[in-house]
Amino acid sequence: MRKHSRIEEEKRTVEQMIRLYCRHREGNEELCGSCRQLLEYAHARLSRCPFGEKKKTCRKCPVHCYKPEMKRRIGEVMKYAGPRMLLHHPVSALKHMWREQFV
């Protein structure tokens, strides 16, 4: 079983959340242009995270690297998709919750 890096896992989780939001909230089967742009932005931010593999969840991070508009958009996605992740992607949701509380 291959262990994924912390950054890879964060990227996968944020992608799951954005896809869930786009599909259920906006009614799109595939990512719309706006959600694709947000996903690319989020992946770019994670790739450049100064904390690398020792990063905390973004909510607990002392460095706020998102532009205000992107921060608003990702906040909207997380507010909608966060609770629903337990139903659609329970393993990712539980890992994220664990890290937010204990890491």
Foldseek 3Di string as FASTA:
>chain_A
DDDDAPLVLVLVLLVVLLCCCCCPVVVDNDHDPVSVVLSVVVNVCSVPPPCGRNDAPQVPDPDDPDDVVSVVVSVVSCVVRLVVCCVVPVVSNVVNVCRNPPD
